[in-house]
Amino acid sequence: MNFIFRLGDAPGDKQLGGKAAALAAMQGCGVLIPEWFVLLPNAFESSLSEADRQTLFEQENQMKTKKNINRREQWLCFVPFDYHVSTTT
């Protein structure tokens, strides 16, 4: 399997990130771009062992859980209006 996308390759079904897709599009419009290449995102995924994939999956789930907890805490602490406390003496 080829994990490298080079200058002049047709994107086809290859998954390109935003910057690589923009470079390929500009090149296709005739903009002069220095020679470049990019490693496709699935190169990283394919390099992982099953244990590494599982660890990464668990870490992503933990991060998502922490983000959800933080969002809920922020929601619970949100006060939708300004308020002032005044006292009379």
C-alpha atoms as a PDB file:
ATOM      1  CA  MET A   1       0.000   0.000   0.000  1.00  0.00           C
ATOM      2  CA  ASN A   2       1.315   3.456  -0.906  1.00  0.00           C
ATOM      3  CA  PHE A   3       1.182   6.038   1.872  1.00  0.00           C
ATOM      4  CA  ILE A   4       2.914   8.859  -0.011  1.00  0.00           C
ATOM      5  CA  PHE A   5       1.162  11.414  -2.186  1.00  0.00           C
ATOM      6  CA  ARG A   6       3.558  13.233  -4.523  1.00  0.00           C
ATOM      7  CA  LEU A   7       3.433  16.245  -6.773  1.00  0.00           C
ATOM      8  CA  GLY A   8       1.546  15.240  -9.903  1.00  0.00           C
ATOM      9  CA  ASP A   9      -0.371  12.327  -8.337  1.00  0.00           C
ATOM     10  CA  ALA A  10      -4.115  12.378  -8.890  1.00  0.00           C
ATOM     11  CA  PRO A  11      -5.910  12.596  -5.517  1.00  0.00           C
ATOM     12  CA  GLY A  12      -8.433   9.920  -6.545  1.00  0.00           C
ATOM     13  CA  ASP A  13      -9.674   8.041  -3.501  1.00  0.00           C
ATOM     14  CA  LYS A  14      -6.660   9.012  -1.370  1.00  0.00           C
ATOM     15  CA  GLN A  15      -7.512  10.904   1.765  1.00  0.00           C
ATOM     16  CA  LEU A  16      -5.644  14.219   1.791  1.00  0.00           C
ATOM     17  CA  GLY A  17      -5.505  16.694   4.636  1.00  0.00           C
ATOM     18  CA  GLY A  18      -6.558  20.292   4.062  1.00  0.00           C
ATOM     19  CA  LYS A  19      -3.113  21.693   3.226  1.00  0.00           C
ATOM     20  CA  ALA A  20      -2.225  18.883   0.815  1.00  0.00           C
ATOM     21  CA  ALA A  21      -5.615  19.155  -0.881  1.00  0.00           C
ATOM     22  CA  ALA A  22      -5.119  22.919  -1.277  1.00  0.00           C
ATOM     23  CA  LEU A  23      -1.640  22.402  -2.772  1.00  0.00           C
ATOM     24  CA  ALA A  24      -3.009  19.806  -5.192  1.00  0.00           C
ATOM     25  CA  ALA A  25      -5.869  22.136  -6.190  1.00  0.00           C
ATOM     26  CA  MET A  26      -3.539  25.091  -6.759  1.00  0.00           C
ATOM     27  CA  GLN A  27      -1.216  22.892  -8.779  1.00  0.00           C
ATOM     28  CA  GLY A  28      -4.176  21.755 -10.867  1.00  0.00           C
ATOM     29  CA  CYS A  29      -5.002  25.414 -11.610  1.00  0.00           C
ATOM     30  CA  GLY A  30      -1.516  26.013 -12.942  1.00  0.00           C
ATOM     31  CA  VAL A  31       0.009  27.754  -9.914  1.00  0.00           C
ATOM     32  CA  LEU A  32       3.746  27.084  -9.775  1.00  0.00           C
ATOM     33  CA  ILE A  33       4.458  25.174  -6.587  1.00  0.00           C
ATOM     34  CA  PRO A  34       7.844  23.739  -5.519  1.00  0.00           C
ATOM     35  CA  GLU A  35       8.062  19.957  -5.457  1.00  0.00           C
ATOM     36  CA  TRP A  36       6.309  18.492  -2.443  1.00  0.00           C
ATOM     37  CA  PHE A  37       4.956  15.257  -0.993  1.00  0.00           C
ATOM     38  CA  VAL A  38       2.780  14.312   1.931  1.00  0.00           C
ATOM     39  CA  LEU A  39       2.308  11.208   4.039  1.00  0.00           C
ATOM     40  CA  LEU A  40      -1.327  10.186   3.969  1.00  0.00           C
ATOM     41  CA  PRO A  41      -3.181   9.996   7.314  1.00  0.00           C
ATOM     42  CA  ASN A  42      -3.630   6.223   7.098  1.00  0.00           C
ATOM     43  CA  ALA A  43       0.188   5.821   7.118  1.00  0.00           C
ATOM     44  CA  PHE A  44       0.167   6.539  10.844  1.00  0.00           C
ATOM     45  CA  GLU A  45      -2.792   4.271  11.530  1.00  0.00           C
ATOM     46  CA  SER A  46      -1.240   1.406   9.572  1.00  0.00           C
ATOM     47  CA  SER A  47       2.016   1.699  11.531  1.00  0.00           C
ATOM     48  CA  LEU A  48       0.290   0.939  14.843  1.00  0.00           C
ATOM     49  CA  SER A  49       0.136  -2.465  16.427  1.00  0.00           C
ATOM     50  CA  GLU A  50      -3.227  -3.699  17.682  1.00  0.00           C
ATOM     51  CA  ALA A  51      -2.156  -2.900  21.263  1.00  0.00           C
ATOM     52  CA  ASP A  52      -1.155   0.639  20.217  1.00  0.00           C
ATOM     53  CA  ARG A  53      -4.497   1.120  18.469  1.00  0.00           C
ATOM     54  CA  GLN A  54      -6.354  -0.004  21.580  1.00  0.00           C
ATOM     55  CA  THR A  55      -4.310   2.334  23.798  1.00  0.00           C
ATOM     56  CA  LEU A  56      -4.913   5.255  21.438  1.00  0.00           C
ATOM     57  CA  PHE A  57      -8.636   4.452  21.304  1.00  0.00           C
ATOM     58  CA  GLU A  58      -8.838   4.374  25.109  1.00  0.00           C
ATOM     59  CA  GLN A  59      -6.944   7.677  25.424  1.00  0.00           C
ATOM     60  CA  GLU A  60      -9.247   9.332  22.875  1.00  0.00           C
ATOM     61  CA  ASN A  61     -12.290   8.112  24.819  1.00  0.00           C
ATOM     62  CA  GLN A  62     -10.829   9.436  28.077  1.00  0.00           C
ATOM     63  CA  MET A  63     -10.222  12.833  26.455  1.00  0.00           C
ATOM     64  CA  LYS A  64     -13.764  12.917  25.064  1.00  0.00           C
ATOM     65  CA  THR A  65     -15.136  12.035  28.495  1.00  0.00           C
ATOM     66  CA  LYS A  66     -13.109  14.800  30.156  1.00  0.00           C
ATOM     67  CA  LYS A  67     -14.290  17.323  27.548  1.00  0.00           C
ATOM     68  CA  ASN A  68     -17.918  16.295  28.118  1.00  0.00           C
ATOM     69  CA  ILE A  69     -17.514  16.624  31.881  1.00  0.00           C
ATOM     70  CA  ASN A  70     -15.924  20.066  31.469  1.00  0.00           C
ATOM     71  CA  ARG A  71     -18.749  21.182  29.165  1.00  0.00           C
ATOM     72  CA  ARG A  72     -21.368  20.002  31.659  1.00  0.00           C
ATOM     73  CA  GLU A  73     -19.573  21.736  34.525  1.00  0.00           C
ATOM     74  CA  GLN A  74     -19.466  24.953  32.520  1.00  0.00           C
ATOM     75  CA  TRP A  75     -23.151  24.609  31.708  1.00  0.00           C
ATOM     76  CA  LEU A  76     -24.041  24.049  35.350  1.00  0.00           C
ATOM     77  CA  CYS A  77     -22.022  27.094  36.406  1.00  0.00           C
ATOM     78  CA  PHE A  78     -23.378  29.348  33.652  1.00  0.00           C
ATOM     79  CA  VAL A  79     -25.350  32.328  34.833  1.00  0.00           C
ATOM     80  CA  PRO A  80     -27.338  33.735  31.878  1.00  0.00           C
ATOM     81  CA  PHE A  81     -27.698  37.235  33.314  1.00  0.00           C
ATOM     82  CA  ASP A  82     -25.699  39.810  35.225  1.00  0.00           C
ATOM     83  CA  TYR A  83     -26.580  40.225  38.821  1.00  0.00           C
ATOM     84  CA  HIS A  84     -25.491  42.589  41.555  1.00  0.00           C
ATOM     85  CA  VAL A  85     -25.701  42.232  45.273  1.00  0.00           C
ATOM     86  CA  SER A  86     -26.289  45.386  47.245  1.00  0.00           C
ATOM     87  CA  THR A  87     -26.694  45.934  50.911  1.00  0.00           C
ATOM     88  CA  THR A  88     -28.123  48.758  52.934  1.00  0.00           C
ATOM     89  CA  THR A  89     -26.638  49.892  56.183  1.00  0.00           C
END
